[in-house]
Amino acid sequence: ALAIGSAAGANHAVLTPRQRRLGSYGYWASLLAI
């Protein structure tokens, strides 16, 4: 959750919409796994 959130946040400007969406899905999946 920390890695996906920080990577998606730090590179938000250069990510495509699909990559942003997948980053969001991965982040929320990790948060639900906790």
PDB file of all heavy atoms in Angstrom:
ATOM      1  N   ALA A   1       0.831  -1.201   0.000  1.00  0.00           N
ATOM      2  CA  ALA A   1       0.000   0.000   0.000  1.00  0.00           C
ATOM      3  C   ALA A   1       0.869   1.255   0.000  1.00  0.00           C
ATOM      4  O   ALA A   1       0.602   2.211  -0.742  1.00  0.00           O
ATOM      5  CB  ALA A   1      -0.936   0.000   1.200  1.00  0.00           C
ATOM      6  N   LEU A   2       1.923   1.251   0.803  1.00  0.00           N
ATOM      7  CA  LEU A   2       2.816   2.411   0.836  1.00  0.00           C
ATOM      8  C   LEU A   2       3.571   2.588  -0.475  1.00  0.00           C
ATOM      9  O   LEU A   2       3.710   3.703  -0.982  1.00  0.00           O
ATOM     10  CB  LEU A   2       3.809   2.276   1.994  1.00  0.00           C
ATOM     11  CG  LEU A   2       3.230   2.398   3.394  1.00  0.00           C
ATOM     12  CD1 LEU A   2       4.305   2.090   4.427  1.00  0.00           C
ATOM     13  CD2 LEU A   2       2.670   3.781   3.608  1.00  0.00           C
ATOM     14  N   ALA A   3       4.050   1.493  -1.039  1.00  0.00           N
ATOM     15  CA  ALA A   3       4.825   1.577  -2.276  1.00  0.00           C
ATOM     16  C   ALA A   3       3.964   2.011  -3.455  1.00  0.00           C
ATOM     17  O   ALA A   3       4.353   2.885  -4.242  1.00  0.00           O
ATOM     18  CB  ALA A   3       5.478   0.233  -2.569  1.00  0.00           C
ATOM     19  N   ILE A   4       2.791   1.409  -3.586  1.00  0.00           N
ATOM     20  CA  ILE A   4       1.920   1.757  -4.709  1.00  0.00           C
ATOM     21  C   ILE A   4       1.421   3.187  -4.569  1.00  0.00           C
ATOM     22  O   ILE A   4       1.393   3.949  -5.540  1.00  0.00           O
ATOM     23  CB  ILE A   4       0.750   0.764  -4.811  1.00  0.00           C
ATOM     24  CG1 ILE A   4       1.264  -0.623  -5.186  1.00  0.00           C
ATOM     25  CG2 ILE A   4      -0.281   1.228  -5.833  1.00  0.00           C
ATOM     26  CD1 ILE A   4       0.221  -1.709  -5.082  1.00  0.00           C
ATOM     27  N   GLY A   5       1.047   3.573  -3.361  1.00  0.00           N
ATOM     28  CA  GLY A   5       0.558   4.931  -3.147  1.00  0.00           C
ATOM     29  C   GLY A   5       1.610   5.979  -3.407  1.00  0.00           C
ATOM     30  O   GLY A   5       1.344   7.009  -4.041  1.00  0.00           O
ATOM     31  N   SER A   6       2.825   5.744  -2.953  1.00  0.00           N
ATOM     32  CA  SER A   6       3.882   6.734  -3.164  1.00  0.00           C
ATOM     33  C   SER A   6       4.345   6.761  -4.617  1.00  0.00           C
ATOM     34  O   SER A   6       4.633   7.827  -5.165  1.00  0.00           O
ATOM     35  CB  SER A   6       5.056   6.479  -2.227  1.00  0.00           C
ATOM     36  OG  SER A   6       5.636   5.227  -2.500  1.00  0.00           O
ATOM     37  N   ALA A   7       4.391   5.605  -5.266  1.00  0.00           N
ATOM     38  CA  ALA A   7       4.815   5.584  -6.670  1.00  0.00           C
ATOM     39  C   ALA A   7       3.773   6.249  -7.567  1.00  0.00           C
ATOM     40  O   ALA A   7       4.121   7.020  -8.470  1.00  0.00           O
ATOM     41  CB  ALA A   7       5.049   4.150  -7.125  1.00  0.00           C
ATOM     42  N   ALA A   8       2.502   5.969  -7.306  1.00  0.00           N
ATOM     43  CA  ALA A   8       1.455   6.580  -8.121  1.00  0.00           C
ATOM     44  C   ALA A   8       1.346   8.077  -7.838  1.00  0.00           C
ATOM     45  O   ALA A   8       1.063   8.859  -8.744  1.00  0.00           O
ATOM     46  CB  ALA A   8       0.118   5.900  -7.863  1.00  0.00           C
ATOM     47  N   GLY A   9       1.576   8.479  -6.615  1.00  0.00           N
ATOM     48  CA  GLY A   9       1.514   9.904  -6.280  1.00  0.00           C
ATOM     49  C   GLY A   9       2.690  10.691  -6.815  1.00  0.00           C
ATOM     50  O   GLY A   9       2.539  11.818  -7.290  1.00  0.00           O
ATOM     51  N   ALA A  10       3.867  10.114  -6.757  1.00  0.00           N
ATOM     52  CA  ALA A  10       5.063  10.828  -7.211  1.00  0.00           C
ATOM     53  C   ALA A  10       5.108  10.960  -8.727  1.00  0.00           C
ATOM     54  O   ALA A  10       5.645  11.931  -9.254  1.00  0.00           O
ATOM     55  CB  ALA A  10       6.316  10.103  -6.721  1.00  0.00           C
ATOM     56  N   ASN A  11       4.556   9.999  -9.438  1.00  0.00           N
ATOM     57  CA  ASN A  11       4.602  10.000 -10.899  1.00  0.00           C
ATOM     58  C   ASN A  11       3.238  10.271 -11.519  1.00  0.00           C
ATOM     59  O   ASN A  11       2.997   9.899 -12.661  1.00  0.00           O
ATOM     60  CB  ASN A  11       5.136   8.652 -11.397  1.00  0.00           C
ATOM     61  CG  ASN A  11       6.506   8.353 -10.859  1.00  0.00           C
ATOM     62  OD1 ASN A  11       7.374   9.213 -10.854  1.00  0.00           O
ATOM     63  ND2 ASN A  11       6.704   7.141 -10.380  1.00  0.00           N
ATOM     64  N   HIS A  12       2.362  10.932 -10.789  1.00  0.00           N
ATOM     65  CA  HIS A  12       0.987  11.111 -11.253  1.00  0.00           C
ATOM     66  C   HIS A  12       0.918  11.878 -12.582  1.00  0.00           C
ATOM     67  O   HIS A  12       0.089  11.572 -13.437  1.00  0.00           O
ATOM     68  CB  HIS A  12       0.169  11.845 -10.189  1.00  0.00           C
ATOM     69  CG  HIS A  12      -1.281  11.946 -10.502  1.00  0.00           C
ATOM     70  ND1 HIS A  12      -2.122  10.868 -10.410  1.00  0.00           N
ATOM     71  CD2 HIS A  12      -2.036  12.987 -10.921  1.00  0.00           C
ATOM     72  CE1 HIS A  12      -3.338  11.236 -10.751  1.00  0.00           C
ATOM     73  NE2 HIS A  12      -3.322  12.524 -11.067  1.00  0.00           N
ATOM     74  N   ALA A  13       1.788  12.840 -12.765  1.00  0.00           N
ATOM     75  CA  ALA A  13       1.723  13.689 -13.963  1.00  0.00           C
ATOM     76  C   ALA A  13       2.111  12.939 -15.235  1.00  0.00           C
ATOM     77  O   ALA A  13       1.642  13.286 -16.320  1.00  0.00           O
ATOM     78  CB  ALA A  13       2.612  14.905 -13.782  1.00  0.00           C
ATOM     79  N   VAL A  14       2.951  11.931 -15.121  1.00  0.00           N
ATOM     80  CA  VAL A  14       3.432  11.241 -16.318  1.00  0.00           C
ATOM     81  C   VAL A  14       2.706   9.924 -16.588  1.00  0.00           C
ATOM     82  O   VAL A  14       2.965   9.284 -17.594  1.00  0.00           O
ATOM     83  CB  VAL A  14       4.961  10.984 -16.237  1.00  0.00           C
ATOM     84  CG1 VAL A  14       5.709  12.295 -16.172  1.00  0.00           C
ATOM     85  CG2 VAL A  14       5.300  10.114 -15.051  1.00  0.00           C
ATOM     86  N   LEU A  15       1.792   9.536 -15.715  1.00  0.00           N
ATOM     87  CA  LEU A  15       1.077   8.281 -15.905  1.00  0.00           C
ATOM     88  C   LEU A  15      -0.103   8.479 -16.851  1.00  0.00           C
ATOM     89  O   LEU A  15      -0.749   9.527 -16.856  1.00  0.00           O
ATOM     90  CB  LEU A  15       0.561   7.743 -14.573  1.00  0.00           C
ATOM     91  CG  LEU A  15       1.609   7.327 -13.544  1.00  0.00           C
ATOM     92  CD1 LEU A  15       0.926   6.898 -12.257  1.00  0.00           C
ATOM     93  CD2 LEU A  15       2.482   6.221 -14.074  1.00  0.00           C
ATOM     94  N   THR A  16      -0.374   7.454 -17.626  1.00  0.00           N
ATOM     95  CA  THR A  16      -1.559   7.469 -18.481  1.00  0.00           C
ATOM     96  C   THR A  16      -2.791   7.222 -17.602  1.00  0.00           C
ATOM     97  O   THR A  16      -2.658   6.741 -16.469  1.00  0.00           O
ATOM     98  CB  THR A  16      -1.467   6.385 -19.564  1.00  0.00           C
ATOM     99  OG1 THR A  16      -1.489   5.102 -18.927  1.00  0.00           O
ATOM    100  CG2 THR A  16      -0.202   6.531 -20.402  1.00  0.00           C
ATOM    101  N   PRO A  17      -3.974   7.541 -18.092  1.00  0.00           N
ATOM    102  CA  PRO A  17      -5.177   7.272 -17.286  1.00  0.00           C
ATOM    103  C   PRO A  17      -5.316   5.799 -16.892  1.00  0.00           C
ATOM    104  O   PRO A  17      -5.766   5.485 -15.785  1.00  0.00           O
ATOM    105  CB  PRO A  17      -6.317   7.712 -18.195  1.00  0.00           C
ATOM    106  CG  PRO A  17      -5.720   8.735 -19.088  1.00  0.00           C
ATOM    107  CD  PRO A  17      -4.291   8.308 -19.294  1.00  0.00           C
ATOM    108  N   ARG A  18      -4.916   4.908 -17.780  1.00  0.00           N
ATOM    109  CA  ARG A  18      -4.990   3.479 -17.453  1.00  0.00           C
ATOM    110  C   ARG A  18      -4.032   3.137 -16.319  1.00  0.00           C
ATOM    111  O   ARG A  18      -4.375   2.382 -15.400  1.00  0.00           O
ATOM    112  CB  ARG A  18      -4.652   2.648 -18.692  1.00  0.00           C
ATOM    113  CG  ARG A  18      -4.721   1.159 -18.452  1.00  0.00           C
ATOM    114  CD  ARG A  18      -4.478   0.378 -19.747  1.00  0.00           C
ATOM    115  NE  ARG A  18      -4.605  -1.035 -19.534  1.00  0.00           N
ATOM    116  CZ  ARG A  18      -3.606  -1.838 -19.186  1.00  0.00           C
ATOM    117  NH1 ARG A  18      -2.398  -1.351 -19.003  1.00  0.00           N
ATOM    118  NH2 ARG A  18      -3.807  -3.124 -19.010  1.00  0.00           N
ATOM    119  N   GLN A  19      -2.825   3.683 -16.353  1.00  0.00           N
ATOM    120  CA  GLN A  19      -1.864   3.417 -15.284  1.00  0.00           C
ATOM    121  C   GLN A  19      -2.328   4.017 -13.964  1.00  0.00           C
ATOM    122  O   GLN A  19      -2.118   3.421 -12.904  1.00  0.00           O
ATOM    123  CB  GLN A  19      -0.490   3.969 -15.666  1.00  0.00           C
ATOM    124  CG  GLN A  19       0.188   3.200 -16.775  1.00  0.00           C
ATOM    125  CD  GLN A  19       1.439   3.905 -17.273  1.00  0.00           C
ATOM    126  OE1 GLN A  19       1.510   5.133 -17.296  1.00  0.00           O
ATOM    127  NE2 GLN A  19       2.422   3.110 -17.679  1.00  0.00           N
ATOM    128  N   ARG A  20      -2.955   5.185 -14.017  1.00  0.00           N
ATOM    129  CA  ARG A  20      -3.499   5.784 -12.791  1.00  0.00           C
ATOM    130  C   ARG A  20      -4.602   4.900 -12.201  1.00  0.00           C
ATOM    131  O   ARG A  20      -4.668   4.702 -10.989  1.00  0.00           O
ATOM    132  CB  ARG A  20      -4.065   7.161 -13.093  1.00  0.00           C
ATOM    133  CG  ARG A  20      -3.026   8.194 -13.352  1.00  0.00           C
ATOM    134  CD  ARG A  20      -3.662   9.552 -13.544  1.00  0.00           C
ATOM    135  NE  ARG A  20      -2.688  10.439 -14.146  1.00  0.00           N
ATOM    136  CZ  ARG A  20      -2.947  11.281 -15.109  1.00  0.00           C
ATOM    137  NH1 ARG A  20      -4.163  11.394 -15.589  1.00  0.00           N
ATOM    138  NH2 ARG A  20      -1.989  12.047 -15.602  1.00  0.00           N
ATOM    139  N   ARG A  21      -5.465   4.387 -13.064  1.00  0.00           N
ATOM    140  CA  ARG A  21      -6.562   3.529 -12.616  1.00  0.00           C
ATOM    141  C   ARG A  21      -6.014   2.230 -12.015  1.00  0.00           C
ATOM    142  O   ARG A  21      -6.458   1.795 -10.957  1.00  0.00           O
ATOM    143  CB  ARG A  21      -7.500   3.241 -13.786  1.00  0.00           C
ATOM    144  CG  ARG A  21      -8.772   2.557 -13.394  1.00  0.00           C
ATOM    145  CD  ARG A  21      -9.767   2.446 -14.543  1.00  0.00           C
ATOM    146  NE  ARG A  21      -9.206   1.746 -15.698  1.00  0.00           N
ATOM    147  CZ  ARG A  21      -8.907   2.324 -16.866  1.00  0.00           C
ATOM    148  NH1 ARG A  21      -9.095   3.607 -17.035  1.00  0.00           N
ATOM    149  NH2 ARG A  21      -8.403   1.605 -17.851  1.00  0.00           N
ATOM    150  N   LEU A  22      -5.044   1.619 -12.681  1.00  0.00           N
ATOM    151  CA  LEU A  22      -4.451   0.386 -12.145  1.00  0.00           C
ATOM    152  C   LEU A  22      -3.711   0.645 -10.833  1.00  0.00           C
ATOM    153  O   LEU A  22      -3.734  -0.188  -9.924  1.00  0.00           O
ATOM    154  CB  LEU A  22      -3.513  -0.235 -13.176  1.00  0.00           C
ATOM    155  CG  LEU A  22      -4.198  -0.855 -14.394  1.00  0.00           C
ATOM    156  CD1 LEU A  22      -3.153  -1.319 -15.407  1.00  0.00           C
ATOM    157  CD2 LEU A  22      -5.078  -2.001 -13.989  1.00  0.00           C
ATOM    158  N   GLY A  23      -3.059   1.796 -10.726  1.00  0.00           N
ATOM    159  CA  GLY A  23      -2.414   2.163  -9.468  1.00  0.00           C
ATOM    160  C   GLY A  23      -3.432   2.332  -8.354  1.00  0.00           C
ATOM    161  O   GLY A  23      -3.200   1.922  -7.214  1.00  0.00           O
ATOM    162  N   SER A  24      -4.563   2.923  -8.693  1.00  0.00           N
ATOM    163  CA  SER A  24      -5.620   3.097  -7.700  1.00  0.00           C
ATOM    164  C   SER A  24      -6.189   1.757  -7.272  1.00  0.00           C
ATOM    165  O   SER A  24      -6.429   1.518  -6.080  1.00  0.00           O
ATOM    166  CB  SER A  24      -6.725   3.973  -8.278  1.00  0.00           C
ATOM    167  OG  SER A  24      -7.805   4.060  -7.393  1.00  0.00           O
ATOM    168  N   TYR A  25      -6.411   0.863  -8.228  1.00  0.00           N
ATOM    169  CA  TYR A  25      -6.919  -0.475  -7.892  1.00  0.00           C
ATOM    170  C   TYR A  25      -5.929  -1.233  -6.998  1.00  0.00           C
ATOM    171  O   TYR A  25      -6.323  -1.883  -6.039  1.00  0.00           O
ATOM    172  CB  TYR A  25      -7.187  -1.294  -9.145  1.00  0.00           C
ATOM    173  CG  TYR A  25      -8.355  -0.831  -9.979  1.00  0.00           C
ATOM    174  CD1 TYR A  25      -8.446  -1.156 -11.314  1.00  0.00           C
ATOM    175  CD2 TYR A  25      -9.376  -0.056  -9.438  1.00  0.00           C
ATOM    176  CE1 TYR A  25      -9.509  -0.733 -12.090  1.00  0.00           C
ATOM    177  CE2 TYR A  25     -10.439   0.379 -10.198  1.00  0.00           C
ATOM    178  CZ  TYR A  25     -10.508   0.034 -11.530  1.00  0.00           C
ATOM    179  OH  TYR A  25     -11.550   0.444 -12.290  1.00  0.00           O
ATOM    180  N   GLY A  26      -4.661  -1.166  -7.341  1.00  0.00           N
ATOM    181  CA  GLY A  26      -3.650  -1.843  -6.529  1.00  0.00           C
ATOM    182  C   GLY A  26      -3.560  -1.272  -5.130  1.00  0.00           C
ATOM    183  O   GLY A  26      -3.408  -2.011  -4.149  1.00  0.00           O
ATOM    184  N   TYR A  27      -3.672   0.048  -5.037  1.00  0.00           N
ATOM    185  CA  TYR A  27      -3.613   0.712  -3.737  1.00  0.00           C
ATOM    186  C   TYR A  27      -4.786   0.284  -2.857  1.00  0.00           C
ATOM    187  O   TYR A  27      -4.607  -0.084  -1.698  1.00  0.00           O
ATOM    188  CB  TYR A  27      -3.605   2.225  -3.944  1.00  0.00           C
ATOM    189  CG  TYR A  27      -3.595   3.024  -2.678  1.00  0.00           C
ATOM    190  CD1 TYR A  27      -2.469   3.034  -1.854  1.00  0.00           C
ATOM    191  CD2 TYR A  27      -4.694   3.773  -2.286  1.00  0.00           C
ATOM    192  CE1 TYR A  27      -2.449   3.765  -0.685  1.00  0.00           C
ATOM    193  CE2 TYR A  27      -4.683   4.503  -1.127  1.00  0.00           C
ATOM    194  CZ  TYR A  27      -3.561   4.504  -0.325  1.00  0.00           C
ATOM    195  OH  TYR A  27      -3.549   5.223   0.831  1.00  0.00           O
ATOM    196  N   TRP A  28      -5.995   0.306  -3.416  1.00  0.00           N
ATOM    197  CA  TRP A  28      -7.169  -0.066  -2.631  1.00  0.00           C
ATOM    198  C   TRP A  28      -7.180  -1.555  -2.313  1.00  0.00           C
ATOM    199  O   TRP A  28      -7.634  -1.955  -1.225  1.00  0.00           O
ATOM    200  CB  TRP A  28      -8.452   0.356  -3.341  1.00  0.00           C
ATOM    201  CG  TRP A  28      -8.666   1.826  -3.213  1.00  0.00           C
ATOM    202  CD1 TRP A  28      -8.510   2.769  -4.186  1.00  0.00           C
ATOM    203  CD2 TRP A  28      -9.002   2.534  -2.016  1.00  0.00           C
ATOM    204  NE1 TRP A  28      -8.747   4.012  -3.674  1.00  0.00           N
ATOM    205  CE2 TRP A  28      -9.048   3.901  -2.346  1.00  0.00           C
ATOM    206  CE3 TRP A  28      -9.272   2.157  -0.718  1.00  0.00           C
ATOM    207  CZ2 TRP A  28      -9.364   4.878  -1.416  1.00  0.00           C
ATOM    208  CZ3 TRP A  28      -9.582   3.133   0.214  1.00  0.00           C
ATOM    209  CH2 TRP A  28      -9.621   4.476  -0.143  1.00  0.00           C
ATOM    210  N   ALA A  29      -6.691  -2.377  -3.216  1.00  0.00           N
ATOM    211  CA  ALA A  29      -6.603  -3.814  -2.927  1.00  0.00           C
ATOM    212  C   ALA A  29      -5.640  -4.070  -1.768  1.00  0.00           C
ATOM    213  O   ALA A  29      -5.905  -4.898  -0.892  1.00  0.00           O
ATOM    214  CB  ALA A  29      -6.170  -4.578  -4.169  1.00  0.00           C
ATOM    215  N   SER A  30      -4.530  -3.347  -1.761  1.00  0.00           N
ATOM    216  CA  SER A  30      -3.577  -3.492  -0.655  1.00  0.00           C
ATOM    217  C   SER A  30      -4.167  -2.988   0.648  1.00  0.00           C
ATOM    218  O   SER A  30      -3.963  -3.580   1.705  1.00  0.00           O
ATOM    219  CB  SER A  30      -2.284  -2.734  -0.965  1.00  0.00           C
ATOM    220  OG  SER A  30      -1.629  -3.311  -2.048  1.00  0.00           O
ATOM    221  N   LEU A  31      -4.908  -1.879   0.583  1.00  0.00           N
ATOM    222  CA  LEU A  31      -5.535  -1.366   1.801  1.00  0.00           C
ATOM    223  C   LEU A  31      -6.593  -2.323   2.341  1.00  0.00           C
ATOM    224  O   LEU A  31      -6.751  -2.449   3.559  1.00  0.00           O
ATOM    225  CB  LEU A  31      -6.164   0.007   1.532  1.00  0.00           C
ATOM    226  CG  LEU A  31      -5.210   1.187   1.481  1.00  0.00           C
ATOM    227  CD1 LEU A  31      -5.979   2.477   1.234  1.00  0.00           C
ATOM    228  CD2 LEU A  31      -4.398   1.313   2.753  1.00  0.00           C
ATOM    229  N   LEU A  32      -7.309  -2.999   1.458  1.00  0.00           N
ATOM    230  CA  LEU A  32      -8.294  -3.979   1.919  1.00  0.00           C
ATOM    231  C   LEU A  32      -7.631  -5.247   2.453  1.00  0.00           C
ATOM    232  O   LEU A  32      -8.193  -5.935   3.305  1.00  0.00           O
ATOM    233  CB  LEU A  32      -9.254  -4.335   0.788  1.00  0.00           C
ATOM    234  CG  LEU A  32     -10.222  -3.225   0.375  1.00  0.00           C
ATOM    235  CD1 LEU A  32     -11.003  -3.645  -0.856  1.00  0.00           C
ATOM    236  CD2 LEU A  32     -11.153  -2.885   1.521  1.00  0.00           C
ATOM    237  N   ALA A  33      -6.437  -5.551   1.945  1.00  0.00           N
ATOM    238  CA  ALA A  33      -5.731  -6.747   2.414  1.00  0.00           C
ATOM    239  C   ALA A  33      -5.180  -6.568   3.821  1.00  0.00           C
ATOM    240  O   ALA A  33      -4.963  -7.568   4.524  1.00  0.00           O
ATOM    241  CB  ALA A  33      -4.600  -7.095   1.449  1.00  0.00           C
ATOM    242  N   ILE A  34      -4.967  -5.334   4.253  1.00  0.00           N
ATOM    243  CA  ILE A  34      -4.402  -5.102   5.589  1.00  0.00           C
ATOM    244  C   ILE A  34      -5.332  -5.625   6.682  1.00  0.00           C
ATOM    245  O   ILE A  34      -4.920  -6.463   7.494  1.00  0.00           O
ATOM    246  CB  ILE A  34      -4.042  -3.612   5.780  1.00  0.00           C
ATOM    247  CG1 ILE A  34      -2.886  -3.233   4.855  1.00  0.00           C
ATOM    248  CG2 ILE A  34      -3.679  -3.319   7.230  1.00  0.00           C
ATOM    249  CD1 ILE A  34      -2.635  -1.750   4.760  1.00  0.00           C
TER     250      ILE A  34
END
